[in-house]
């Protein structure tokens, strides 16, 4: 039996949706790319690393991967996110231009700096990430059962920690660093599970097994509440082991994150529009940076 749809499909789909600023931001993946860059910045601050050298690379990597994924629409995209798919089709030329520009920056920036380690990591990472939705290696990672849910958060964690780790090394407090990584991964998994919950009908139609499809709607909701508790527990323990100068950031994270995530789960008891997922669910990516910035005020 098909899962109940977690997205509101009562509104008629527009054949020529308006190209508003918000629609353009999402169709060209600018919002999610900014979210990933801000997420990486916050992780670096919490780890004691300098994020400045990597911000542009994270932003361009996200633009490359997401636009490459969306520029060639699949049947599941048209079913799961019809409005975004329609706008993306109208902006195909801009998407292709962003792909080319992002790829150029990713290759040229480390080359100009003669940073061959970064160049090698960028090329390898791009191949792995693009293979998620395009069969560069002969298959797509998203077609492997459950990888559609677990692959993106794992890759983002590696992306935002890998480059600073290679260049600066791990923080001295290994226990705190492990807690930071686990909290980061759990928060991203929460984000991805919500997105896959939205996509259940299309994934089922295409034969892609995500975590929500494997668990079913009811058990996925239970899983998300348990995951929220894990995110909060990891934040509280990280607060205990965090350096004194980061305690205020973790206090804000401990207070704001469960409120935000819990509000999303309560809101999803009823079907929600595409805009809800695009703005509020993807807004999870901005939470750590907002907490860190609030701690500096």
Protein backbone atom coordinates (compact mmCIF):
# COMPACT_ATOMS: atom_id res chain seq x y z
CA UNK A 1 0.00 0.00 0.00
CA UNK A 2 1.43 3.42 -0.93
CA UNK A 3 2.53 5.60 1.94
CA UNK A 4 0.39 8.67 2.71
CA UNK A 5 1.82 11.64 0.89
CA UNK A 6 3.67 14.05 3.21
CA UNK A 7 3.37 16.88 0.70
CA UNK A 8 0.25 18.90 0.00
CA UNK A 9 -0.92 18.19 -3.53
CA UNK A 10 -4.28 19.90 -3.27
CA UNK A 11 -3.08 23.02 -5.08
CA UNK A 12 -3.19 22.79 -8.89
CA UNK A 13 0.28 22.58 -10.40
CA UNK A 14 1.08 25.64 -12.47
CA UNK A 15 2.29 24.92 -15.97
CA UNK A 16 4.22 28.19 -16.02
CA UNK A 17 5.04 28.96 -12.37
CA UNK A 18 6.09 32.50 -11.57
CA UNK A 19 9.83 33.05 -11.44
CA UNK A 20 9.86 34.69 -8.03
CA UNK A 21 13.12 35.34 -6.22
CA UNK A 22 12.41 32.47 -3.84
CA UNK A 23 11.60 30.02 -6.63
CA UNK A 24 14.79 30.99 -8.43
CA UNK A 25 16.91 30.55 -5.29
CA UNK A 26 15.66 26.99 -4.86
CA UNK A 27 15.59 26.00 -8.54
CA UNK A 28 19.24 27.06 -8.96
CA UNK A 29 20.19 25.48 -5.60
CA UNK A 30 21.54 28.80 -4.31
CA UNK A 31 19.68 28.51 -1.00
CA UNK A 32 20.89 25.00 -0.21
CA UNK A 33 24.44 25.85 -1.33
CA UNK A 34 24.49 28.83 1.03
CA UNK A 35 23.13 26.55 3.75
CA UNK A 36 25.93 24.01 3.28
CA UNK A 37 28.59 26.74 3.26
CA UNK A 38 27.18 28.26 6.45
CA UNK A 39 26.96 24.81 8.00
CA UNK A 40 30.63 24.21 7.20
CA UNK A 41 31.58 27.58 8.67
CA UNK A 42 29.82 26.75 11.94
CA UNK A 43 31.45 23.32 12.17
CA UNK A 44 34.87 24.88 11.64
CA UNK A 45 34.25 27.48 14.35
CA UNK A 46 33.12 24.76 16.76
CA UNK A 47 36.17 22.66 15.86
CA UNK A 48 38.63 25.56 16.17
CA UNK A 49 39.49 25.60 12.46
CA UNK A 50 39.75 28.48 10.01
CA UNK A 51 36.79 28.19 7.63
CA UNK A 52 37.72 31.09 5.34
CA UNK A 53 39.81 29.08 2.83
CA UNK A 54 36.98 26.59 2.23
CA UNK A 55 33.79 28.64 2.08
CA UNK A 56 33.86 29.27 -1.67
CA UNK A 57 34.79 25.65 -2.37
CA UNK A 58 31.87 24.34 -0.30
CA UNK A 59 29.47 26.75 -1.95
CA UNK A 60 30.62 25.87 -5.48
CA UNK A 61 30.68 22.15 -4.76
CA UNK A 62 27.06 22.30 -3.63
CA UNK A 63 26.10 24.32 -6.71
CA UNK A 64 27.82 21.80 -8.98
CA UNK A 65 26.30 18.70 -7.39
CA UNK A 66 22.75 19.96 -6.85
CA UNK A 67 22.42 21.66 -10.23
CA UNK A 68 23.86 18.60 -11.98
CA UNK A 69 21.27 16.50 -10.18
CA UNK A 70 18.33 18.76 -11.02
CA UNK A 71 19.15 20.01 -14.50
CA UNK A 72 18.10 16.66 -16.00
CA UNK A 73 14.70 16.04 -14.52
CA UNK A 74 13.60 12.53 -13.59
CA UNK A 75 10.06 11.23 -13.34
CA UNK A 76 10.36 11.18 -9.55
CA UNK A 77 11.33 14.86 -9.46
CA UNK A 78 8.28 15.85 -11.46
CA UNK A 79 6.14 13.88 -9.01
CA UNK A 80 7.81 14.83 -5.73
CA UNK A 81 8.57 18.51 -6.40
CA UNK A 82 6.58 19.54 -9.49
CA UNK A 83 6.86 23.29 -8.98
CA UNK A 84 10.62 23.26 -8.47
CA UNK A 85 11.00 20.93 -11.45
CA UNK A 86 8.98 23.26 -13.68
CA UNK A 87 10.99 26.32 -12.61
CA UNK A 88 14.28 24.43 -13.03
CA UNK A 89 13.29 23.52 -16.59
CA UNK A 90 12.72 27.20 -17.36
CA UNK A 91 16.10 28.10 -15.88
CA UNK A 92 18.03 25.27 -17.52
CA UNK A 93 20.45 27.64 -19.22
CA UNK A 94 21.32 29.35 -15.94
CA UNK A 95 21.72 25.97 -14.24
CA UNK A 96 24.19 24.87 -16.89
CA UNK A 97 26.08 28.15 -16.55
CA UNK A 98 26.30 27.67 -12.77
CA UNK A 99 27.55 24.12 -13.25
CA UNK A 100 30.33 25.32 -15.57
CA UNK A 101 31.24 28.28 -13.34
CA UNK A 102 31.25 26.15 -10.17
CA UNK A 103 33.41 23.47 -11.79
CA UNK A 104 35.86 26.13 -13.02
CA UNK A 105 36.22 27.61 -9.53
CA UNK A 106 36.66 24.18 -7.95
CA UNK A 107 39.48 23.34 -10.36
CA UNK A 108 41.15 26.73 -10.69
CA UNK A 109 41.24 27.89 -7.08
CA UNK A 110 43.44 25.09 -5.72
CA UNK A 111 45.47 25.06 -8.96
CA UNK A 112 46.30 28.77 -8.66
CA UNK A 113 47.26 28.20 -5.01
CA UNK A 114 49.28 25.10 -5.99
CA UNK A 115 47.33 23.20 -3.37
CA UNK A 116 47.48 19.78 -5.00
CA UNK A 117 46.03 17.93 -2.00
CA UNK A 118 42.91 20.06 -2.17
CA UNK A 119 42.67 19.65 -5.94
CA UNK A 120 42.87 15.88 -5.63
CA UNK A 121 40.26 15.81 -2.88
CA UNK A 122 37.95 18.10 -4.85
CA UNK A 123 38.13 15.93 -8.00
CA UNK A 124 37.62 12.68 -6.08
CA UNK A 125 34.80 14.20 -4.04
CA UNK A 126 33.05 15.55 -7.13
CA UNK A 127 33.08 12.15 -8.82
CA UNK A 128 31.69 10.42 -5.73
CA UNK A 129 29.00 13.06 -5.17
CA UNK A 130 27.90 13.23 -8.81
CA UNK A 131 27.62 9.43 -8.87
CA UNK A 132 24.82 9.75 -6.32
CA UNK A 133 22.35 10.62 -9.07
CA UNK A 134 24.36 10.07 -12.26
CA UNK A 135 25.89 6.64 -13.06
CA UNK A 136 29.49 7.82 -13.56
CA UNK A 137 30.76 4.58 -12.01
CA UNK A 138 28.21 2.37 -13.75
CA UNK A 139 25.50 2.70 -11.08
CA UNK A 140 23.92 5.36 -8.92
CA UNK A 141 24.45 5.45 -5.17
CA UNK A 142 20.82 6.44 -4.62
CA UNK A 143 19.72 3.13 -6.15
CA UNK A 144 21.50 1.15 -3.40
CA UNK A 145 18.91 0.42 -0.69
CA UNK A 146 18.98 3.03 2.12
CA UNK A 147 21.91 4.98 0.64
CA UNK A 148 19.51 7.65 -0.63
CA UNK A 149 19.04 8.63 3.01
CA UNK A 150 22.46 7.92 4.53
CA UNK A 151 24.77 8.97 1.70
CA UNK A 152 24.14 12.78 1.61
CA UNK A 153 24.65 13.49 5.34
CA UNK A 154 27.80 11.36 5.37
CA UNK A 155 29.24 13.10 2.32
CA UNK A 156 28.46 16.58 3.66
CA UNK A 157 30.16 15.78 6.98
CA UNK A 158 33.23 14.54 5.12
CA UNK A 159 33.19 17.61 2.85
CA UNK A 160 32.99 20.21 5.62
CA UNK A 161 35.53 18.49 7.88
CA UNK A 162 37.86 16.81 5.39
CA UNK A 163 39.67 19.82 3.96
CA UNK A 164 40.32 21.61 7.27
CA UNK A 165 41.26 18.29 8.88
CA UNK A 166 43.83 17.53 6.17
CA UNK A 167 45.36 21.00 6.40
CA UNK A 168 45.09 21.74 10.13
CA UNK A 169 44.73 18.37 11.81
CA UNK A 170 42.20 17.26 14.40
CA UNK A 171 41.42 19.38 17.47
CA UNK A 172 43.38 18.45 20.58
CA UNK A 173 40.30 17.29 22.45
CA UNK A 174 39.50 14.08 20.58
CA UNK A 175 36.42 13.26 22.64
CA UNK A 176 34.89 16.65 21.96
CA UNK A 177 35.73 16.38 18.26
CA UNK A 178 34.03 12.98 18.01
CA UNK A 179 30.91 14.41 19.67
CA UNK A 180 30.91 17.35 17.25
CA UNK A 181 31.13 14.99 14.26
CA UNK A 182 28.34 12.75 15.55
CA UNK A 183 26.09 15.70 16.31
CA UNK A 184 26.76 17.17 12.86
CA UNK A 185 25.96 13.87 11.14
CA UNK A 186 22.79 13.26 13.19
CA UNK A 187 21.49 16.75 12.43
CA UNK A 188 22.06 16.26 8.70
CA UNK A 189 20.45 12.80 8.85
CA UNK A 190 17.36 14.41 10.39
CA UNK A 191 17.26 16.88 7.49
CA UNK A 192 17.66 14.15 4.88
CA UNK A 193 15.08 11.86 6.43
CA UNK A 194 12.50 14.65 6.31
CA UNK A 195 13.32 15.26 2.63
CA UNK A 196 12.98 11.55 1.87
CA UNK A 197 9.69 11.49 3.76
CA UNK A 198 8.48 14.10 1.27
CA UNK A 199 9.76 11.96 -1.61
CA UNK A 200 8.22 8.62 -0.58
CA UNK A 201 5.59 8.45 -3.32
CA UNK A 202 8.04 9.22 -6.12
CA UNK A 203 10.75 6.95 -4.72
CA UNK A 204 8.27 4.10 -4.41
CA UNK A 205 7.23 4.65 -8.01
CA UNK A 206 10.89 4.57 -9.15
CA UNK A 207 11.92 1.60 -7.00
CA UNK A 208 14.34 3.60 -4.82
CA UNK A 209 14.46 2.35 -1.22
CA UNK A 210 14.96 5.23 1.20
CA UNK A 211 14.80 4.90 4.97
CA UNK A 212 11.18 6.18 5.16
CA UNK A 213 10.13 3.63 2.55
CA UNK A 214 11.88 0.82 4.43
CA UNK A 215 10.38 1.81 7.79
CA UNK A 216 6.97 3.06 6.73
CA UNK A 217 5.43 6.38 7.66
CA UNK A 218 4.55 5.62 11.30
CA UNK A 219 7.92 4.12 12.21
CA UNK A 220 9.73 6.91 10.37
CA UNK A 221 8.00 9.45 12.58
CA UNK A 222 9.06 7.48 15.68
CA UNK A 223 12.61 7.32 14.29
CA UNK A 224 12.69 11.08 13.80
CA UNK A 225 11.63 11.74 17.41
CA UNK A 226 14.33 9.33 18.62
CA UNK A 227 16.86 11.00 16.32
CA UNK A 228 15.86 14.40 17.70
CA UNK A 229 16.54 13.09 21.21
CA UNK A 230 19.94 11.79 20.04
CA UNK A 231 20.81 15.16 18.47
CA UNK A 232 19.97 16.87 21.73
CA UNK A 233 21.85 14.34 23.87
CA UNK A 234 24.97 14.71 21.72
CA UNK A 235 24.75 18.50 21.99
CA UNK A 236 24.43 18.35 25.78
CA UNK A 237 27.44 16.05 26.11
CA UNK A 238 29.41 18.20 23.66
CA UNK A 239 28.61 21.18 25.88
CA UNK A 240 30.24 19.38 28.80
CA UNK A 241 33.48 18.73 26.90
CA UNK A 242 33.56 21.89 24.75
CA UNK A 243 36.26 24.54 25.28
CA UNK A 244 35.08 27.33 27.54
CA UNK A 245 34.97 29.88 24.72
CA UNK A 246 32.46 27.69 22.83
CA UNK A 247 30.14 26.99 25.76
CA UNK A 248 27.78 29.85 24.84
CA UNK A 249 27.43 28.52 21.28
CA UNK A 250 26.56 25.05 22.55
CA UNK A 251 24.08 26.44 25.07
CA UNK A 252 22.22 28.18 22.24
CA UNK A 253 22.39 25.02 20.11
CA UNK A 254 20.97 22.99 22.99
CA UNK A 255 18.12 25.46 23.41
CA UNK A 256 17.23 26.30 19.81
CA UNK A 257 17.77 23.05 17.89
CA UNK A 258 15.21 20.81 19.65
CA UNK A 259 12.62 23.59 19.44
CA UNK A 260 13.16 23.98 15.71
CA UNK A 261 13.28 20.26 14.90
CA UNK A 262 10.33 19.49 17.15
CA UNK A 263 8.29 22.23 15.48
CA UNK A 264 9.00 20.68 12.09
CA UNK A 265 7.81 17.26 13.25
CA UNK A 266 4.65 18.72 14.73
CA UNK A 267 3.98 20.68 11.55
CA UNK A 268 4.40 17.53 9.44
CA UNK A 269 1.43 15.87 11.07
CA UNK A 270 -0.44 17.53 8.19
CA UNK A 271 0.64 17.59 4.53
CA UNK A 272 2.88 20.55 3.71
CA UNK A 273 3.71 22.41 0.53
CA UNK A 274 6.97 22.26 -1.39
CA UNK A 275 7.83 25.65 0.03
CA UNK A 276 7.72 24.28 3.57
CA UNK A 277 10.44 21.74 2.76
CA UNK A 278 12.49 24.16 0.67
CA UNK A 279 12.55 26.94 3.25
CA UNK A 280 12.05 25.35 6.66
CA UNK A 281 13.40 21.81 6.33
CA UNK A 282 16.44 22.95 4.38
CA UNK A 283 16.67 25.77 6.92
CA UNK A 284 18.11 23.18 9.31
CA UNK A 285 21.41 23.75 7.51
CA UNK A 286 21.55 27.31 8.85
CA UNK A 287 20.85 26.43 12.49
CA UNK A 288 24.46 25.89 13.68
CA UNK A 289 25.70 29.10 12.04
CA UNK A 290 22.84 31.12 13.52
CA UNK A 291 23.63 29.70 16.96
CA UNK A 292 27.32 30.52 16.64
CA UNK A 293 26.58 34.05 15.42
CA UNK A 294 24.08 34.59 18.25
CA UNK A 295 26.75 33.58 20.74
CA UNK A 296 29.01 36.35 19.44
CA UNK A 297 26.45 39.13 20.02
